[in-house]
Amino acid sequence: MKKTFLKYVVPSVAAMWVYSLYTMADGIFVAKGVGEYALAAVNLSMPMINTIFAVSILFAIGTSTVTSIFLGKGDLKKAKETFTMNMGTLFAT
């Protein structure tokens, strides 16, 4: 159980570290290259970007779970409908 837990936790933590490093490096380049007002604009837009990312992950995890359940039951039609509905919802938002 512990091995399985670490198998999923380590990549997730590593991805968040890389994302944080990317955000810091981006801030440095924007501040040095464009200026402090551009950095302020980036900082103001970050909550919206994080919200969009969170909603996308929410839909992706939920849809993959429901689709997997339908595929496990052998209901390919419902699995395809669920996936298509998810993609339409994400593109609409």
N, C-alpha and C. Protein backbone atom coordinates (compact mmCIF):
# COMPACT_ATOMS: atom_id res chain seq x y z
N MET A 1 0.83 -1.19 0.00
CA MET A 1 0.00 0.00 0.00
C MET A 1 0.88 1.26 0.00
N LYS A 2 1.91 1.27 0.82
CA LYS A 2 2.79 2.43 0.90
C LYS A 2 3.51 2.65 -0.43
N LYS A 3 3.91 1.56 -1.08
CA LYS A 3 4.61 1.65 -2.36
C LYS A 3 3.68 2.25 -3.43
N THR A 4 2.43 1.84 -3.44
CA THR A 4 1.46 2.37 -4.39
C THR A 4 1.20 3.84 -4.13
N PHE A 5 1.09 4.20 -2.85
CA PHE A 5 0.87 5.60 -2.48
C PHE A 5 2.01 6.47 -2.98
N LEU A 6 3.25 6.04 -2.74
CA LEU A 6 4.41 6.81 -3.18
C LEU A 6 4.50 6.88 -4.70
N LYS A 7 4.04 5.83 -5.36
CA LYS A 7 4.06 5.80 -6.83
C LYS A 7 3.23 6.95 -7.42
N TYR A 8 2.17 7.33 -6.73
CA TYR A 8 1.32 8.40 -7.22
C TYR A 8 1.68 9.77 -6.63
N VAL A 9 2.20 9.77 -5.41
CA VAL A 9 2.50 11.04 -4.75
C VAL A 9 3.75 11.69 -5.31
N VAL A 10 4.79 10.93 -5.53
CA VAL A 10 6.08 11.50 -5.96
C VAL A 10 5.95 12.25 -7.29
N PRO A 11 5.32 11.70 -8.32
CA PRO A 11 5.17 12.49 -9.56
C PRO A 11 4.32 13.75 -9.38
N SER A 12 3.30 13.68 -8.55
CA SER A 12 2.46 14.85 -8.33
C SER A 12 3.23 15.96 -7.63
N VAL A 13 4.00 15.61 -6.62
CA VAL A 13 4.79 16.61 -5.90
C VAL A 13 5.87 17.18 -6.81
N ALA A 14 6.51 16.32 -7.59
CA ALA A 14 7.54 16.78 -8.52
C ALA A 14 6.95 17.74 -9.56
N ALA A 15 5.77 17.44 -10.04
CA ALA A 15 5.12 18.32 -11.02
C ALA A 15 4.81 19.68 -10.41
N MET A 16 4.37 19.72 -9.18
CA MET A 16 4.08 20.99 -8.53
C MET A 16 5.36 21.79 -8.28
N TRP A 17 6.46 21.11 -7.96
CA TRP A 17 7.75 21.79 -7.80
C TRP A 17 8.18 22.43 -9.11
N VAL A 18 8.07 21.68 -10.20
CA VAL A 18 8.45 22.21 -11.51
C VAL A 18 7.56 23.39 -11.88
N TYR A 19 6.28 23.29 -11.63
CA TYR A 19 5.36 24.39 -11.92
C TYR A 19 5.72 25.63 -11.11
N SER A 20 6.06 25.45 -9.84
CA SER A 20 6.45 26.58 -9.00
C SER A 20 7.74 27.22 -9.48
N LEU A 21 8.71 26.39 -9.84
CA LEU A 21 9.97 26.92 -10.38
C LEU A 21 9.75 27.67 -11.69
N TYR A 22 8.89 27.13 -12.53
CA TYR A 22 8.57 27.80 -13.80
C TYR A 22 7.93 29.16 -13.53
N THR A 23 7.02 29.22 -12.56
CA THR A 23 6.35 30.48 -12.24
C THR A 23 7.34 31.51 -11.72
N MET A 24 8.26 31.08 -10.88
CA MET A 24 9.27 32.02 -10.36
C MET A 24 10.20 32.50 -11.48
N ALA A 25 10.64 31.59 -12.32
CA ALA A 25 11.53 31.98 -13.43
C ALA A 25 10.80 32.92 -14.40
N ASP A 26 9.54 32.63 -14.66
CA ASP A 26 8.74 33.49 -15.53
C ASP A 26 8.63 34.89 -14.94
N GLY A 27 8.40 34.98 -13.64
CA GLY A 27 8.32 36.27 -12.98
C GLY A 27 9.62 37.05 -13.07
N ILE A 28 10.74 36.36 -12.94
CA ILE A 28 12.05 37.03 -13.04
C ILE A 28 12.25 37.58 -14.44
N PHE A 29 11.98 36.77 -15.46
CA PHE A 29 12.17 37.22 -16.83
C PHE A 29 11.23 38.36 -17.20
N VAL A 30 9.99 38.29 -16.76
CA VAL A 30 9.03 39.36 -17.05
C VAL A 30 9.46 40.65 -16.37
N ALA A 31 9.86 40.54 -15.10
CA ALA A 31 10.27 41.74 -14.36
C ALA A 31 11.52 42.38 -14.95
N LYS A 32 12.48 41.56 -15.33
CA LYS A 32 13.73 42.09 -15.90
C LYS A 32 13.53 42.58 -17.33
N GLY A 33 12.74 41.85 -18.11
CA GLY A 33 12.61 42.16 -19.53
C GLY A 33 11.60 43.24 -19.84
N VAL A 34 10.46 43.22 -19.18
CA VAL A 34 9.38 44.14 -19.53
C VAL A 34 9.20 45.23 -18.48
N GLY A 35 9.26 44.85 -17.22
CA GLY A 35 9.13 45.85 -16.18
C GLY A 35 8.19 45.44 -15.08
N GLU A 36 8.10 46.32 -14.11
CA GLU A 36 7.32 46.00 -12.92
C GLU A 36 5.81 45.99 -13.17
N TYR A 37 5.33 46.79 -14.12
CA TYR A 37 3.90 46.79 -14.42
C TYR A 37 3.48 45.47 -15.10
N ALA A 38 4.35 44.96 -15.92
CA ALA A 38 4.06 43.66 -16.55
C ALA A 38 4.05 42.55 -15.50
N LEU A 39 4.96 42.62 -14.55
CA LEU A 39 4.98 41.63 -13.47
C LEU A 39 3.71 41.73 -12.63
N ALA A 40 3.24 42.95 -12.39
CA ALA A 40 1.99 43.13 -11.66
C ALA A 40 0.82 42.51 -12.44
N ALA A 41 0.82 42.67 -13.75
CA ALA A 41 -0.24 42.09 -14.58
C ALA A 41 -0.20 40.56 -14.52
N VAL A 42 0.99 40.00 -14.56
CA VAL A 42 1.13 38.55 -14.45
C VAL A 42 0.62 38.08 -13.09
N ASN A 43 0.98 38.79 -12.04
CA ASN A 43 0.54 38.41 -10.69
C ASN A 43 -0.97 38.52 -10.53
N LEU A 44 -1.58 39.49 -11.19
CA LEU A 44 -3.03 39.62 -11.12
C LEU A 44 -3.75 38.52 -11.90
N SER A 45 -3.12 38.01 -12.94
CA SER A 45 -3.76 36.98 -13.76
C SER A 45 -3.55 35.56 -13.21
N MET A 46 -2.60 35.38 -12.32
CA MET A 46 -2.30 34.04 -11.82
C MET A 46 -3.47 33.36 -11.11
N PRO A 47 -4.26 34.05 -10.27
CA PRO A 47 -5.40 33.35 -9.66
C PRO A 47 -6.39 32.81 -10.69
N MET A 48 -6.61 33.56 -11.75
CA MET A 48 -7.53 33.08 -12.80
C MET A 48 -6.95 31.86 -13.51
N ILE A 49 -5.67 31.90 -13.79
CA ILE A 49 -5.02 30.76 -14.44
C ILE A 49 -5.10 29.53 -13.54
N ASN A 50 -4.85 29.70 -12.26
CA ASN A 50 -4.93 28.58 -11.33
C ASN A 50 -6.36 28.06 -11.20
N THR A 51 -7.34 28.94 -11.26
CA THR A 51 -8.73 28.51 -11.20
C THR A 51 -9.10 27.68 -12.44
N ILE A 52 -8.69 28.14 -13.60
CA ILE A 52 -8.95 27.38 -14.83
C ILE A 52 -8.27 26.02 -14.77
N PHE A 53 -7.05 25.98 -14.28
CA PHE A 53 -6.31 24.73 -14.14
C PHE A 53 -7.05 23.78 -13.18
N ALA A 54 -7.51 24.31 -12.04
CA ALA A 54 -8.20 23.49 -11.05
C ALA A 54 -9.50 22.92 -11.60
N VAL A 55 -10.27 23.73 -12.31
CA VAL A 55 -11.53 23.25 -12.89
C VAL A 55 -11.26 22.19 -13.96
N SER A 56 -10.22 22.39 -14.74
CA SER A 56 -9.87 21.40 -15.76
C SER A 56 -9.48 20.07 -15.14
N ILE A 57 -8.70 20.12 -14.07
CA ILE A 57 -8.32 18.89 -13.37
C ILE A 57 -9.55 18.23 -12.75
N LEU A 58 -10.45 19.03 -12.19
CA LEU A 58 -11.68 18.51 -11.61
C LEU A 58 -12.47 17.71 -12.64
N PHE A 59 -12.66 18.30 -13.82
CA PHE A 59 -13.41 17.62 -14.87
C PHE A 59 -12.65 16.40 -15.39
N ALA A 60 -11.35 16.50 -15.53
CA ALA A 60 -10.57 15.39 -16.07
C ALA A 60 -10.61 14.18 -15.14
N ILE A 61 -10.44 14.40 -13.85
CA ILE A 61 -10.45 13.29 -12.90
C ILE A 61 -11.84 12.68 -12.79
N GLY A 62 -12.85 13.53 -12.70
CA GLY A 62 -14.21 13.02 -12.60
C GLY A 62 -14.63 12.24 -13.83
N THR A 63 -14.32 12.78 -14.99
CA THR A 63 -14.71 12.10 -16.23
C THR A 63 -13.96 10.80 -16.41
N SER A 64 -12.67 10.79 -16.09
CA SER A 64 -11.91 9.54 -16.25
C SER A 64 -12.44 8.46 -15.31
N THR A 65 -12.88 8.86 -14.13
CA THR A 65 -13.44 7.88 -13.19
C THR A 65 -14.76 7.31 -13.72
N VAL A 66 -15.65 8.19 -14.14
CA VAL A 66 -16.95 7.73 -14.64
C VAL A 66 -16.78 6.92 -15.92
N THR A 67 -15.91 7.37 -16.81
CA THR A 67 -15.67 6.65 -18.06
C THR A 67 -15.09 5.27 -17.78
N SER A 68 -14.18 5.18 -16.81
CA SER A 68 -13.60 3.88 -16.45
C SER A 68 -14.65 2.93 -15.90
N ILE A 69 -15.58 3.47 -15.12
CA ILE A 69 -16.66 2.63 -14.58
C ILE A 69 -17.49 2.07 -15.72
N PHE A 70 -17.85 2.94 -16.68
CA PHE A 70 -18.65 2.47 -17.82
C PHE A 70 -17.87 1.46 -18.66
N LEU A 71 -16.59 1.69 -18.87
CA LEU A 71 -15.79 0.73 -19.63
C LEU A 71 -15.67 -0.60 -18.90
N GLY A 72 -15.55 -0.53 -17.57
CA GLY A 72 -15.50 -1.76 -16.78
C GLY A 72 -16.79 -2.57 -16.87
N LYS A 73 -17.90 -1.88 -17.02
CA LYS A 73 -19.19 -2.55 -17.18
C LYS A 73 -19.41 -3.02 -18.61
N GLY A 74 -18.53 -2.59 -19.51
CA GLY A 74 -18.67 -2.98 -20.92
C GLY A 74 -19.61 -2.07 -21.70
N ASP A 75 -19.96 -0.94 -21.16
CA ASP A 75 -20.88 -0.01 -21.82
C ASP A 75 -20.08 1.06 -22.55
N LEU A 76 -19.61 0.72 -23.73
CA LEU A 76 -18.77 1.61 -24.53
C LEU A 76 -19.52 2.86 -24.97
N LYS A 77 -20.82 2.72 -25.27
CA LYS A 77 -21.61 3.87 -25.72
C LYS A 77 -21.70 4.94 -24.64
N LYS A 78 -21.99 4.54 -23.40
CA LYS A 78 -22.09 5.51 -22.30
C LYS A 78 -20.72 6.14 -22.00
N ALA A 79 -19.65 5.35 -22.14
CA ALA A 79 -18.31 5.88 -21.90
C ALA A 79 -17.99 6.96 -22.92
N LYS A 80 -18.32 6.72 -24.17
CA LYS A 80 -18.07 7.72 -25.22
C LYS A 80 -18.93 8.95 -25.01
N GLU A 81 -20.18 8.76 -24.60
CA GLU A 81 -21.07 9.90 -24.34
C GLU A 81 -20.53 10.76 -23.20
N THR A 82 -20.05 10.10 -22.16
CA THR A 82 -19.51 10.83 -21.01
C THR A 82 -18.29 11.64 -21.42
N PHE A 83 -17.40 11.04 -22.16
CA PHE A 83 -16.20 11.73 -22.61
C PHE A 83 -16.56 12.92 -23.51
N THR A 84 -17.48 12.70 -24.44
CA THR A 84 -17.89 13.77 -25.35
C THR A 84 -18.56 14.92 -24.59
N MET A 85 -19.39 14.59 -23.61
CA MET A 85 -20.05 15.63 -22.81
C MET A 85 -19.01 16.44 -22.03
N ASN A 86 -18.01 15.78 -21.50
CA ASN A 86 -16.95 16.47 -20.78
C ASN A 86 -16.18 17.42 -21.70
N MET A 87 -15.82 16.96 -22.87
CA MET A 87 -15.08 17.81 -23.80
C MET A 87 -15.92 19.01 -24.21
N GLY A 88 -17.20 18.80 -24.46
CA GLY A 88 -18.08 19.91 -24.82
C GLY A 88 -18.20 20.92 -23.69
N THR A 89 -18.30 20.43 -22.47
CA THR A 89 -18.39 21.33 -21.31
C THR A 89 -17.11 22.13 -21.14
N LEU A 90 -15.96 21.49 -21.29
CA LEU A 90 -14.69 22.21 -21.14
C LEU A 90 -14.49 23.25 -22.23
N PHE A 91 -14.86 22.91 -23.46
CA PHE A 91 -14.71 23.89 -24.55
C PHE A 91 -15.69 25.04 -24.39
N ALA A 92 -16.87 24.78 -23.81
CA ALA A 92 -17.87 25.82 -23.64
C ALA A 92 -17.47 26.81 -22.53
N THR A 93 -16.70 26.32 -21.57
CA THR A 93 -16.31 27.21 -20.47
C THR A 93 -15.04 27.85 -20.86
